[in-house]
Amino acid sequence: MKNAIAIAAVAGIASAATAQSISVTAAPSTINPGESYTVTITADSTGVVPSGDNGVAFAGFGLTISVDNGVIGLADGDTSSLNQSYLFGAGVTGNGDGSFEIVGGQTANLFGLLNPGIDLSTSVQIISFEVTGAAEGFSTVSVATTDGRDFGAAWYPDSQAGASVELQVSESATVEIVPTPAAVGLLGLGGLVAARRRR
C-alpha cells in the first residue's frame, strides 16, 4: 500500500469524496456446501466532475478481503486475478487467517509524460476471484480499507494531475449455502427410521 499512498501524494490529498464507490458482488446467490461462487470488486467513478478536460481515472486501492464461512481462492503473491492495468505497486498478501490484502494502482498521465494509456473507464473491475462455501448457512465476503492505511481507494479527478480524491471502504456480499437435495432426502429418511424405532 505504500506505493498506492505515494500515488495519492503526487499532488497532495484533497477532500474525501462521496460520489465514488467500491462495490462487491457475489454470484450465484445460492450454492451447496463445497461449491464455489464468484466475487467481483468494482470501482465506480460515476458522478465525479473532472477538474480539466482529461477525465476522471481510478488511481489505486489498498483493501483487505475476508470471508465468513468459506475459503478465498487467492494465493499469496499471485497478482493474476488483479486488473492488469493496475499493477503499479501491486500485491496480493495472505494474512495467515484466511484473509488477503490487495494493493495496486496506475500512474497518472502527468503533464502528458507518464502513462499516456491511462485507463479512464467509468467503471473498473479491480479483482475477481472464487470463494468456496463451507457449511450450510450464509457465506459473507467483506472488503474494507486495510488497517493502518489512509484510504481504501483513490481517484485522479484529472488524468494529468495527482490523485486527490480518497475513499474509505467497507462493503460486503452474502451468498446462501443450502444442503443438496440428496442430503435433505437422507435427513428425511433418517427421521422416518427414528420414528419407526420409537414405535
N, C-alpha and C. Protein backbone atom coordinates (compact mmCIF):
# COMPACT_ATOMS: atom_id res chain seq x y z
N MET A 1 0.81 -1.20 0.00
CA MET A 1 0.00 0.00 0.00
C MET A 1 0.84 1.25 0.00
N LYS A 2 2.13 1.13 0.38
CA LYS A 2 2.99 2.31 0.38
C LYS A 2 3.01 2.95 -0.98
N ASN A 3 3.06 2.14 -2.05
CA ASN A 3 3.07 2.68 -3.39
C ASN A 3 1.76 3.39 -3.70
N ALA A 4 0.64 2.80 -3.27
CA ALA A 4 -0.65 3.43 -3.53
C ALA A 4 -0.75 4.76 -2.81
N ILE A 5 -0.19 4.83 -1.59
CA ILE A 5 -0.18 6.09 -0.86
C ILE A 5 0.68 7.11 -1.59
N ALA A 6 1.78 6.64 -2.17
CA ALA A 6 2.64 7.54 -2.94
C ALA A 6 1.90 8.09 -4.14
N ILE A 7 1.08 7.26 -4.77
CA ILE A 7 0.28 7.73 -5.91
C ILE A 7 -0.59 8.89 -5.47
N ALA A 8 -1.26 8.72 -4.34
CA ALA A 8 -2.18 9.74 -3.85
C ALA A 8 -1.45 11.01 -3.44
N ALA A 9 -0.19 10.87 -3.10
CA ALA A 9 0.57 12.02 -2.61
C ALA A 9 1.18 12.85 -3.73
N VAL A 10 1.04 12.42 -4.98
CA VAL A 10 1.68 13.12 -6.10
C VAL A 10 1.33 14.59 -6.10
N ALA A 11 0.04 14.89 -5.91
CA ALA A 11 -0.36 16.30 -5.93
C ALA A 11 -1.03 16.70 -4.62
N GLY A 12 -0.85 15.91 -3.59
CA GLY A 12 -1.44 16.23 -2.31
C GLY A 12 -2.85 15.69 -2.18
N ILE A 13 -3.25 15.44 -0.97
CA ILE A 13 -4.56 14.89 -0.71
C ILE A 13 -5.56 16.03 -0.49
N ALA A 14 -6.67 15.94 -1.19
CA ALA A 14 -7.70 16.96 -1.02
C ALA A 14 -8.76 16.45 -0.05
N SER A 15 -10.00 16.54 -0.43
CA SER A 15 -11.06 16.13 0.49
C SER A 15 -11.59 14.76 0.15
N ALA A 16 -12.29 14.15 1.11
CA ALA A 16 -12.89 12.85 0.88
C ALA A 16 -14.05 12.99 -0.09
N ALA A 17 -14.34 11.94 -0.82
CA ALA A 17 -15.38 12.01 -1.84
C ALA A 17 -16.58 11.20 -1.43
N THR A 18 -17.74 11.59 -1.96
CA THR A 18 -18.94 10.82 -1.72
C THR A 18 -19.48 10.21 -3.00
N ALA A 19 -19.04 10.71 -4.16
CA ALA A 19 -19.60 10.24 -5.43
C ALA A 19 -19.03 8.89 -5.85
N GLN A 20 -17.79 8.63 -5.50
CA GLN A 20 -17.16 7.38 -5.91
C GLN A 20 -17.64 6.24 -5.04
N SER A 21 -17.52 5.03 -5.56
CA SER A 21 -17.92 3.89 -4.74
C SER A 21 -17.12 2.65 -5.12
N ILE A 22 -17.02 1.76 -4.16
CA ILE A 22 -16.48 0.43 -4.38
C ILE A 22 -17.64 -0.53 -4.16
N SER A 23 -17.90 -1.41 -5.11
CA SER A 23 -18.98 -2.36 -4.95
C SER A 23 -18.44 -3.79 -4.94
N VAL A 24 -19.15 -4.64 -4.21
CA VAL A 24 -18.79 -6.05 -4.11
C VAL A 24 -20.01 -6.87 -4.51
N THR A 25 -19.85 -7.75 -5.49
CA THR A 25 -20.95 -8.61 -5.90
C THR A 25 -20.52 -10.07 -5.78
N ALA A 26 -21.50 -10.94 -5.55
CA ALA A 26 -21.24 -12.37 -5.44
C ALA A 26 -22.31 -13.12 -6.23
N ALA A 27 -21.89 -14.08 -7.04
CA ALA A 27 -22.82 -14.86 -7.85
C ALA A 27 -22.31 -16.29 -8.02
N PRO A 28 -23.21 -17.28 -8.03
CA PRO A 28 -24.66 -17.14 -7.83
C PRO A 28 -25.01 -16.83 -6.39
N SER A 29 -26.28 -16.53 -6.15
CA SER A 29 -26.70 -16.13 -4.80
C SER A 29 -26.92 -17.32 -3.88
N THR A 30 -27.04 -18.52 -4.46
CA THR A 30 -27.25 -19.72 -3.65
C THR A 30 -26.36 -20.85 -4.17
N ILE A 31 -25.68 -21.54 -3.26
CA ILE A 31 -24.83 -22.67 -3.62
C ILE A 31 -25.04 -23.80 -2.62
N ASN A 32 -24.44 -24.96 -2.92
CA ASN A 32 -24.42 -26.08 -1.98
C ASN A 32 -23.09 -26.08 -1.24
N PRO A 33 -23.00 -26.72 -0.08
CA PRO A 33 -21.72 -26.80 0.64
C PRO A 33 -20.62 -27.37 -0.26
N GLY A 34 -19.47 -26.75 -0.23
CA GLY A 34 -18.34 -27.20 -1.04
C GLY A 34 -18.30 -26.63 -2.45
N GLU A 35 -19.37 -25.96 -2.87
CA GLU A 35 -19.37 -25.32 -4.18
C GLU A 35 -18.78 -23.92 -4.09
N SER A 36 -18.49 -23.34 -5.25
CA SER A 36 -17.86 -22.02 -5.29
C SER A 36 -18.78 -20.96 -5.86
N TYR A 37 -18.52 -19.74 -5.47
CA TYR A 37 -19.19 -18.58 -6.07
C TYR A 37 -18.13 -17.55 -6.43
N THR A 38 -18.48 -16.65 -7.36
CA THR A 38 -17.53 -15.66 -7.87
C THR A 38 -17.78 -14.30 -7.22
N VAL A 39 -16.71 -13.71 -6.70
CA VAL A 39 -16.77 -12.38 -6.10
C VAL A 39 -16.06 -11.40 -7.03
N THR A 40 -16.71 -10.27 -7.30
CA THR A 40 -16.11 -9.23 -8.15
C THR A 40 -16.14 -7.91 -7.39
N ILE A 41 -14.99 -7.24 -7.34
CA ILE A 41 -14.88 -5.94 -6.68
C ILE A 41 -14.67 -4.90 -7.78
N THR A 42 -15.52 -3.87 -7.77
CA THR A 42 -15.51 -2.86 -8.84
C THR A 42 -15.41 -1.46 -8.26
N ALA A 43 -14.68 -0.59 -8.95
CA ALA A 43 -14.60 0.83 -8.59
C ALA A 43 -15.41 1.63 -9.59
N ASP A 44 -16.27 2.50 -9.10
CA ASP A 44 -17.16 3.29 -9.96
C ASP A 44 -16.86 4.77 -9.78
N SER A 45 -16.57 5.46 -10.89
CA SER A 45 -16.23 6.88 -10.85
C SER A 45 -17.40 7.78 -11.24
N THR A 46 -18.59 7.19 -11.41
CA THR A 46 -19.75 7.97 -11.83
C THR A 46 -20.02 9.13 -10.88
N GLY A 47 -20.27 10.29 -11.44
CA GLY A 47 -20.62 11.45 -10.63
C GLY A 47 -19.45 12.35 -10.28
N VAL A 48 -18.23 11.94 -10.64
CA VAL A 48 -17.06 12.78 -10.36
C VAL A 48 -16.92 13.83 -11.45
N VAL A 49 -16.81 15.08 -11.05
CA VAL A 49 -16.65 16.15 -12.03
C VAL A 49 -15.17 16.40 -12.25
N PRO A 50 -14.66 16.21 -13.50
CA PRO A 50 -13.24 16.41 -13.76
C PRO A 50 -12.82 17.86 -13.55
N SER A 51 -11.59 18.05 -13.11
CA SER A 51 -11.08 19.41 -12.93
C SER A 51 -10.50 19.95 -14.23
N GLY A 52 -10.38 19.08 -15.21
CA GLY A 52 -9.84 19.51 -16.51
C GLY A 52 -10.53 18.76 -17.62
N ASP A 53 -9.91 18.71 -18.77
CA ASP A 53 -10.51 18.07 -19.94
C ASP A 53 -10.03 16.64 -20.14
N ASN A 54 -9.27 16.12 -19.19
CA ASN A 54 -8.63 14.84 -19.41
C ASN A 54 -9.32 13.67 -18.74
N GLY A 55 -10.38 13.93 -17.99
CA GLY A 55 -11.20 12.85 -17.45
C GLY A 55 -10.76 12.32 -16.11
N VAL A 56 -11.74 11.72 -15.42
CA VAL A 56 -11.51 11.09 -14.13
C VAL A 56 -10.88 9.72 -14.35
N ALA A 57 -9.99 9.32 -13.46
CA ALA A 57 -9.38 7.98 -13.56
C ALA A 57 -9.26 7.38 -12.18
N PHE A 58 -9.54 6.09 -12.08
CA PHE A 58 -9.32 5.38 -10.82
C PHE A 58 -7.83 5.23 -10.62
N ALA A 59 -7.33 5.63 -9.44
CA ALA A 59 -5.89 5.66 -9.21
C ALA A 59 -5.34 4.40 -8.58
N GLY A 60 -5.96 3.95 -7.49
CA GLY A 60 -5.40 2.79 -6.82
C GLY A 60 -6.22 2.36 -5.62
N PHE A 61 -5.78 1.27 -4.98
CA PHE A 61 -6.55 0.68 -3.89
C PHE A 61 -5.64 -0.01 -2.90
N GLY A 62 -6.12 -0.14 -1.67
CA GLY A 62 -5.45 -0.89 -0.63
C GLY A 62 -6.52 -1.50 0.27
N LEU A 63 -6.89 -2.75 -0.01
CA LEU A 63 -8.06 -3.35 0.60
C LEU A 63 -7.75 -4.68 1.27
N THR A 64 -8.53 -5.00 2.29
CA THR A 64 -8.46 -6.31 2.93
C THR A 64 -9.74 -7.07 2.62
N ILE A 65 -9.59 -8.30 2.16
CA ILE A 65 -10.72 -9.16 1.83
C ILE A 65 -10.77 -10.29 2.85
N SER A 66 -11.93 -10.48 3.47
CA SER A 66 -12.09 -11.59 4.42
C SER A 66 -13.40 -12.29 4.13
N VAL A 67 -13.54 -13.52 4.62
CA VAL A 67 -14.77 -14.27 4.39
C VAL A 67 -15.19 -15.00 5.65
N ASP A 68 -16.49 -15.05 5.87
CA ASP A 68 -17.07 -15.82 6.96
C ASP A 68 -17.75 -17.04 6.34
N ASN A 69 -17.37 -18.24 6.77
CA ASN A 69 -17.94 -19.49 6.29
C ASN A 69 -17.56 -19.75 4.82
N GLY A 70 -16.27 -19.74 4.57
CA GLY A 70 -15.79 -20.02 3.22
C GLY A 70 -14.29 -19.91 3.13
N VAL A 71 -13.76 -20.22 1.94
CA VAL A 71 -12.31 -20.14 1.69
C VAL A 71 -12.09 -19.30 0.44
N ILE A 72 -11.27 -18.26 0.58
CA ILE A 72 -10.97 -17.37 -0.54
C ILE A 72 -9.98 -18.03 -1.49
N GLY A 73 -10.29 -18.02 -2.78
CA GLY A 73 -9.44 -18.67 -3.78
C GLY A 73 -8.36 -17.77 -4.33
N LEU A 74 -7.61 -17.13 -3.46
CA LEU A 74 -6.45 -16.33 -3.87
C LEU A 74 -5.20 -16.99 -3.32
N ALA A 75 -4.06 -16.69 -3.94
CA ALA A 75 -2.79 -17.25 -3.47
C ALA A 75 -1.83 -16.11 -3.15
N ASP A 76 -1.10 -16.28 -2.06
CA ASP A 76 -0.13 -15.27 -1.63
C ASP A 76 0.86 -14.98 -2.74
N GLY A 77 0.98 -13.71 -3.14
CA GLY A 77 1.94 -13.30 -4.15
C GLY A 77 1.45 -13.40 -5.59
N ASP A 78 0.29 -13.99 -5.82
CA ASP A 78 -0.23 -14.16 -7.17
C ASP A 78 -1.15 -13.00 -7.53
N THR A 79 -0.69 -12.11 -8.43
CA THR A 79 -1.46 -10.93 -8.80
C THR A 79 -2.27 -11.13 -10.09
N SER A 80 -2.35 -12.36 -10.59
CA SER A 80 -3.02 -12.60 -11.87
C SER A 80 -4.51 -12.29 -11.83
N SER A 81 -5.12 -12.31 -10.64
CA SER A 81 -6.56 -12.01 -10.54
C SER A 81 -6.85 -10.51 -10.55
N LEU A 82 -5.81 -9.70 -10.34
CA LEU A 82 -5.98 -8.24 -10.34
C LEU A 82 -6.13 -7.72 -11.76
N ASN A 83 -6.82 -6.58 -11.88
CA ASN A 83 -6.89 -5.87 -13.16
C ASN A 83 -5.47 -5.54 -13.60
N GLN A 84 -5.09 -6.02 -14.78
CA GLN A 84 -3.70 -5.89 -15.22
C GLN A 84 -3.30 -4.46 -15.59
N SER A 85 -4.25 -3.52 -15.59
CA SER A 85 -3.92 -2.11 -15.79
C SER A 85 -3.49 -1.44 -14.49
N TYR A 86 -3.61 -2.18 -13.37
CA TYR A 86 -3.34 -1.60 -12.05
C TYR A 86 -2.25 -2.36 -11.32
N LEU A 87 -1.15 -2.61 -12.01
CA LEU A 87 -0.08 -3.40 -11.43
C LEU A 87 1.04 -2.56 -10.83
N PHE A 88 0.91 -1.23 -10.83
CA PHE A 88 1.91 -0.38 -10.19
C PHE A 88 1.86 -0.62 -8.69
N GLY A 89 2.94 -1.16 -8.14
CA GLY A 89 2.99 -1.46 -6.71
C GLY A 89 2.04 -2.56 -6.29
N ALA A 90 1.63 -3.41 -7.24
CA ALA A 90 0.60 -4.42 -6.96
C ALA A 90 1.09 -5.51 -6.03
N GLY A 91 0.14 -6.03 -5.25
CA GLY A 91 0.46 -7.14 -4.37
C GLY A 91 -0.80 -7.83 -3.88
N VAL A 92 -0.69 -9.14 -3.66
CA VAL A 92 -1.73 -9.95 -3.03
C VAL A 92 -1.05 -10.68 -1.89
N THR A 93 -1.44 -10.39 -0.66
CA THR A 93 -0.74 -10.93 0.50
C THR A 93 -1.71 -11.64 1.44
N GLY A 94 -1.44 -12.91 1.71
CA GLY A 94 -2.24 -13.66 2.67
C GLY A 94 -1.86 -13.26 4.08
N ASN A 95 -2.86 -13.12 4.95
CA ASN A 95 -2.60 -12.70 6.33
C ASN A 95 -2.47 -13.87 7.31
N GLY A 96 -2.61 -15.10 6.80
CA GLY A 96 -2.47 -16.26 7.66
C GLY A 96 -3.74 -16.66 8.39
N ASP A 97 -4.79 -15.85 8.25
CA ASP A 97 -6.07 -16.15 8.91
C ASP A 97 -7.18 -16.37 7.88
N GLY A 98 -6.79 -16.57 6.63
CA GLY A 98 -7.77 -16.76 5.56
C GLY A 98 -8.13 -15.49 4.83
N SER A 99 -7.69 -14.33 5.36
CA SER A 99 -7.96 -13.06 4.69
C SER A 99 -6.76 -12.67 3.83
N PHE A 100 -6.99 -11.72 2.90
CA PHE A 100 -5.94 -11.26 2.00
C PHE A 100 -5.95 -9.75 1.90
N GLU A 101 -4.75 -9.18 1.74
CA GLU A 101 -4.63 -7.76 1.43
C GLU A 101 -4.30 -7.64 -0.05
N ILE A 102 -4.99 -6.72 -0.74
CA ILE A 102 -4.67 -6.46 -2.15
C ILE A 102 -4.34 -4.99 -2.31
N VAL A 103 -3.38 -4.69 -3.16
CA VAL A 103 -2.97 -3.32 -3.40
C VAL A 103 -2.54 -3.18 -4.85
N GLY A 104 -2.75 -2.00 -5.41
CA GLY A 104 -2.33 -1.76 -6.79
C GLY A 104 -2.76 -0.38 -7.24
N GLY A 105 -2.29 0.03 -8.40
CA GLY A 105 -2.66 1.34 -8.92
C GLY A 105 -2.11 1.57 -10.30
N GLN A 106 -2.48 2.72 -10.87
CA GLN A 106 -1.93 3.14 -12.15
C GLN A 106 -1.41 4.58 -11.99
N THR A 107 -0.33 4.89 -12.69
CA THR A 107 0.25 6.22 -12.59
C THR A 107 -0.53 7.19 -13.48
N ALA A 108 -0.61 8.44 -13.03
CA ALA A 108 -1.31 9.46 -13.80
C ALA A 108 -0.50 9.85 -15.04
N ASN A 109 -1.21 10.42 -16.01
CA ASN A 109 -0.56 10.94 -17.22
C ASN A 109 -0.10 12.37 -16.91
N LEU A 110 0.85 12.48 -15.97
CA LEU A 110 1.30 13.80 -15.51
C LEU A 110 1.95 14.59 -16.63
N PHE A 111 1.37 15.75 -16.92
CA PHE A 111 1.90 16.66 -17.94
C PHE A 111 2.05 15.96 -19.29
N GLY A 112 1.31 14.89 -19.49
CA GLY A 112 1.39 14.17 -20.75
C GLY A 112 2.64 13.33 -20.90
N LEU A 113 3.42 13.18 -19.82
CA LEU A 113 4.71 12.49 -19.92
C LEU A 113 4.65 11.04 -19.43
N LEU A 114 3.70 10.73 -18.53
CA LEU A 114 3.63 9.39 -17.97
C LEU A 114 2.31 8.72 -18.34
N ASN A 115 2.40 7.45 -18.67
CA ASN A 115 1.22 6.63 -18.90
C ASN A 115 0.18 7.29 -19.80
N PRO A 116 0.50 7.53 -21.05
CA PRO A 116 -0.49 8.11 -21.97
C PRO A 116 -1.69 7.20 -22.18
N GLY A 117 -1.55 5.93 -21.83
CA GLY A 117 -2.64 4.99 -21.98
C GLY A 117 -3.45 4.82 -20.70
N ILE A 118 -3.47 5.80 -19.83
CA ILE A 118 -4.16 5.69 -18.56
C ILE A 118 -5.63 5.29 -18.78
N ASP A 119 -6.12 4.39 -17.94
CA ASP A 119 -7.48 3.87 -18.06
C ASP A 119 -8.46 4.89 -17.48
N LEU A 120 -9.32 5.44 -18.35
CA LEU A 120 -10.30 6.42 -17.92
C LEU A 120 -11.70 5.83 -17.82
N SER A 121 -11.79 4.51 -17.74
CA SER A 121 -13.09 3.86 -17.68
C SER A 121 -13.88 4.33 -16.45
N THR A 122 -15.17 4.54 -16.64
CA THR A 122 -16.03 4.97 -15.53
C THR A 122 -16.14 3.89 -14.47
N SER A 123 -16.24 2.64 -14.93
CA SER A 123 -16.33 1.51 -14.01
C SER A 123 -15.15 0.59 -14.25
N VAL A 124 -14.42 0.26 -13.20
CA VAL A 124 -13.20 -0.54 -13.31
C VAL A 124 -13.31 -1.77 -12.43
N GLN A 125 -13.12 -2.94 -13.01
CA GLN A 125 -13.08 -4.16 -12.20
C GLN A 125 -11.70 -4.26 -11.57
N ILE A 126 -11.65 -4.26 -10.25
CA ILE A 126 -10.38 -4.34 -9.53
C ILE A 126 -9.87 -5.77 -9.50
N ILE A 127 -10.75 -6.69 -9.13
CA ILE A 127 -10.35 -8.09 -9.00
C ILE A 127 -11.59 -8.98 -9.05
N SER A 128 -11.40 -10.20 -9.51
CA SER A 128 -12.45 -11.21 -9.48
C SER A 128 -11.82 -12.52 -9.03
N PHE A 129 -12.50 -13.23 -8.13
CA PHE A 129 -11.92 -14.46 -7.59
C PHE A 129 -13.04 -15.38 -7.10
N GLU A 130 -12.69 -16.62 -6.83
CA GLU A 130 -13.65 -17.61 -6.37
C GLU A 130 -13.58 -17.77 -4.85
N VAL A 131 -14.72 -18.06 -4.25
CA VAL A 131 -14.80 -18.42 -2.83
C VAL A 131 -15.52 -19.76 -2.75
N THR A 132 -14.96 -20.69 -2.00
CA THR A 132 -15.60 -21.99 -1.79
C THR A 132 -16.40 -21.95 -0.50
N GLY A 133 -17.70 -22.21 -0.62
CA GLY A 133 -18.56 -22.20 0.55
C GLY A 133 -18.27 -23.38 1.47
N ALA A 134 -18.50 -23.19 2.74
CA ALA A 134 -18.24 -24.26 3.71
C ALA A 134 -19.55 -24.88 4.18
N ALA A 135 -19.96 -24.59 5.39
CA ALA A 135 -21.14 -25.23 5.97
C ALA A 135 -22.43 -24.56 5.55
N GLU A 136 -23.52 -25.27 5.73
CA GLU A 136 -24.85 -24.73 5.44
C GLU A 136 -25.07 -23.44 6.23
N GLY A 137 -25.70 -22.46 5.61
CA GLY A 137 -25.94 -21.18 6.26
C GLY A 137 -25.67 -20.05 5.29
N PHE A 138 -24.83 -19.10 5.69
CA PHE A 138 -24.51 -17.97 4.85
C PHE A 138 -22.99 -17.78 4.79
N SER A 139 -22.51 -17.37 3.63
CA SER A 139 -21.09 -17.06 3.44
C SER A 139 -21.00 -15.59 3.04
N THR A 140 -20.31 -14.81 3.83
CA THR A 140 -20.21 -13.36 3.59
C THR A 140 -18.77 -12.95 3.33
N VAL A 141 -18.57 -12.27 2.20
CA VAL A 141 -17.25 -11.71 1.87
C VAL A 141 -17.28 -10.23 2.23
N SER A 142 -16.28 -9.80 3.00
CA SER A 142 -16.19 -8.40 3.41
C SER A 142 -14.94 -7.77 2.81
N VAL A 143 -15.08 -6.52 2.37
CA VAL A 143 -13.98 -5.77 1.77
C VAL A 143 -13.89 -4.44 2.49
N ALA A 144 -12.71 -4.13 3.02
CA ALA A 144 -12.56 -2.90 3.80
C ALA A 144 -11.17 -2.31 3.61
N THR A 145 -11.05 -1.02 3.90
CA THR A 145 -9.74 -0.37 3.91
C THR A 145 -8.83 -1.13 4.86
N THR A 146 -7.65 -1.47 4.41
CA THR A 146 -6.71 -2.20 5.25
C THR A 146 -6.31 -1.34 6.46
N ASP A 147 -6.29 -1.95 7.65
CA ASP A 147 -5.92 -1.24 8.87
C ASP A 147 -4.58 -0.54 8.71
N GLY A 148 -4.53 0.70 9.16
CA GLY A 148 -3.28 1.45 9.13
C GLY A 148 -3.05 2.21 7.84
N ARG A 149 -3.95 2.06 6.88
CA ARG A 149 -3.81 2.76 5.60
C ARG A 149 -4.72 3.99 5.59
N ASP A 150 -4.29 5.01 4.83
CA ASP A 150 -5.05 6.26 4.80
C ASP A 150 -6.33 6.16 4.00
N PHE A 151 -6.39 5.25 3.02
CA PHE A 151 -7.58 5.13 2.19
C PHE A 151 -7.67 3.73 1.61
N GLY A 152 -8.88 3.36 1.20
CA GLY A 152 -9.08 2.07 0.55
C GLY A 152 -9.04 2.20 -0.95
N ALA A 153 -9.44 3.39 -1.46
CA ALA A 153 -9.46 3.63 -2.90
C ALA A 153 -9.22 5.11 -3.17
N ALA A 154 -8.60 5.40 -4.32
CA ALA A 154 -8.31 6.79 -4.67
C ALA A 154 -8.52 7.02 -6.16
N TRP A 155 -8.87 8.27 -6.49
CA TRP A 155 -9.13 8.64 -7.88
C TRP A 155 -8.30 9.85 -8.28
N TYR A 156 -7.99 9.93 -9.59
CA TYR A 156 -7.45 11.14 -10.19
C TYR A 156 -8.62 11.93 -10.75
N PRO A 157 -8.96 13.08 -10.21
CA PRO A 157 -10.05 13.88 -10.80
C PRO A 157 -9.69 14.35 -12.20
N ASP A 158 -8.41 14.42 -12.48
CA ASP A 158 -7.91 14.81 -13.80
C ASP A 158 -6.74 13.87 -14.09
N SER A 159 -6.76 13.22 -15.24
CA SER A 159 -5.74 12.20 -15.52
C SER A 159 -4.34 12.76 -15.63
N GLN A 160 -4.20 14.09 -15.67
CA GLN A 160 -2.86 14.68 -15.72
C GLN A 160 -2.51 15.37 -14.41
N ALA A 161 -3.26 15.07 -13.37
CA ALA A 161 -2.97 15.61 -12.04
C ALA A 161 -2.81 14.44 -11.07
N GLY A 162 -2.36 14.74 -9.87
CA GLY A 162 -2.18 13.69 -8.89
C GLY A 162 -3.51 13.25 -8.29
N ALA A 163 -3.51 12.09 -7.67
CA ALA A 163 -4.72 11.59 -7.02
C ALA A 163 -5.07 12.47 -5.84
N SER A 164 -6.28 12.97 -5.79
CA SER A 164 -6.66 13.85 -4.69
C SER A 164 -8.04 13.54 -4.14
N VAL A 165 -8.60 12.42 -4.53
CA VAL A 165 -9.90 12.01 -4.01
C VAL A 165 -9.74 10.63 -3.38
N GLU A 166 -10.01 10.54 -2.08
CA GLU A 166 -9.83 9.29 -1.35
C GLU A 166 -11.17 8.75 -0.87
N LEU A 167 -11.21 7.46 -0.61
CA LEU A 167 -12.43 6.84 -0.10
C LEU A 167 -12.09 5.74 0.89
N GLN A 168 -12.74 5.78 2.04
CA GLN A 168 -12.66 4.66 2.96
C GLN A 168 -13.66 3.60 2.49
N VAL A 169 -13.32 2.34 2.63
CA VAL A 169 -14.15 1.27 2.07
C VAL A 169 -14.62 0.31 3.16
N SER A 170 -15.89 -0.03 3.10
CA SER A 170 -16.47 -1.06 3.97
C SER A 170 -17.70 -1.62 3.26
N GLU A 171 -17.52 -2.71 2.53
CA GLU A 171 -18.59 -3.30 1.74
C GLU A 171 -18.60 -4.82 1.93
N SER A 172 -19.71 -5.45 1.58
CA SER A 172 -19.79 -6.91 1.70
C SER A 172 -20.83 -7.47 0.75
N ALA A 173 -20.78 -8.78 0.56
CA ALA A 173 -21.76 -9.50 -0.25
C ALA A 173 -21.96 -10.86 0.39
N THR A 174 -23.20 -11.36 0.35
CA THR A 174 -23.53 -12.61 1.03
C THR A 174 -24.19 -13.61 0.09
N VAL A 175 -23.80 -14.87 0.24
CA VAL A 175 -24.37 -15.98 -0.53
C VAL A 175 -24.96 -16.98 0.46
N GLU A 176 -26.10 -17.56 0.10
CA GLU A 176 -26.70 -18.58 0.96
C GLU A 176 -26.20 -19.96 0.57
N ILE A 177 -25.83 -20.76 1.56
CA ILE A 177 -25.38 -22.14 1.33
C ILE A 177 -26.49 -23.08 1.82
N VAL A 178 -27.05 -23.82 0.88
CA VAL A 178 -28.17 -24.72 1.23
C VAL A 178 -27.75 -26.17 1.02
N PRO A 179 -28.35 -27.09 1.76
CA PRO A 179 -28.00 -28.51 1.59
C PRO A 179 -28.46 -29.02 0.22
N THR A 180 -27.78 -30.01 -0.31
CA THR A 180 -28.18 -30.60 -1.58
C THR A 180 -29.48 -31.37 -1.39
N PRO A 181 -30.26 -31.55 -2.47
CA PRO A 181 -31.50 -32.33 -2.36
C PRO A 181 -31.25 -33.73 -1.80
N ALA A 182 -30.12 -34.34 -2.18
CA ALA A 182 -29.79 -35.69 -1.68
C ALA A 182 -29.61 -35.67 -0.17
N ALA A 183 -28.95 -34.61 0.32
CA ALA A 183 -28.73 -34.51 1.77
C ALA A 183 -30.04 -34.32 2.50
N VAL A 184 -30.93 -33.52 1.91
CA VAL A 184 -32.24 -33.30 2.52
C VAL A 184 -33.02 -34.61 2.56
N GLY A 185 -32.92 -35.39 1.46
CA GLY A 185 -33.59 -36.69 1.39
C GLY A 185 -33.08 -37.64 2.45
N LEU A 186 -31.78 -37.67 2.65
CA LEU A 186 -31.19 -38.55 3.67
C LEU A 186 -31.66 -38.16 5.07
N LEU A 187 -31.78 -36.84 5.30
CA LEU A 187 -32.27 -36.39 6.61
C LEU A 187 -33.70 -36.86 6.82
N GLY A 188 -34.49 -36.80 5.75
CA GLY A 188 -35.87 -37.25 5.84
C GLY A 188 -35.97 -38.73 6.13
N LEU A 189 -35.15 -39.55 5.46
CA LEU A 189 -35.13 -40.99 5.70
C LEU A 189 -34.71 -41.31 7.12
N GLY A 190 -33.71 -40.54 7.59
CA GLY A 190 -33.24 -40.75 8.96
C GLY A 190 -34.35 -40.49 9.96
N GLY A 191 -35.18 -39.48 9.69
CA GLY A 191 -36.30 -39.17 10.57
C GLY A 191 -37.33 -40.28 10.57
N LEU A 192 -37.60 -40.86 9.38
CA LEU A 192 -38.56 -41.96 9.30
C LEU A 192 -38.08 -43.18 10.07
N VAL A 193 -36.80 -43.50 9.92
CA VAL A 193 -36.22 -44.66 10.63
C VAL A 193 -36.33 -44.45 12.13
N ALA A 194 -36.00 -43.24 12.57
CA ALA A 194 -36.06 -42.95 14.02
C ALA A 194 -37.49 -43.07 14.53
N ALA A 195 -38.46 -42.61 13.72
CA ALA A 195 -39.86 -42.68 14.13
C ALA A 195 -40.32 -44.12 14.25
N ARG A 196 -39.90 -44.97 13.30
CA ARG A 196 -40.30 -46.40 13.35
C ARG A 196 -39.71 -47.09 14.57
N ARG A 197 -38.47 -46.74 14.90
CA ARG A 197 -37.82 -47.36 16.06
C ARG A 197 -38.55 -47.03 17.35
N ARG A 198 -39.08 -45.81 17.42
CA ARG A 198 -39.79 -45.40 18.63
C ARG A 198 -41.07 -46.23 18.82
N ARG A 199 -41.70 -46.64 17.69
CA ARG A 199 -42.91 -47.43 17.77
C ARG A 199 -42.59 -48.83 18.27
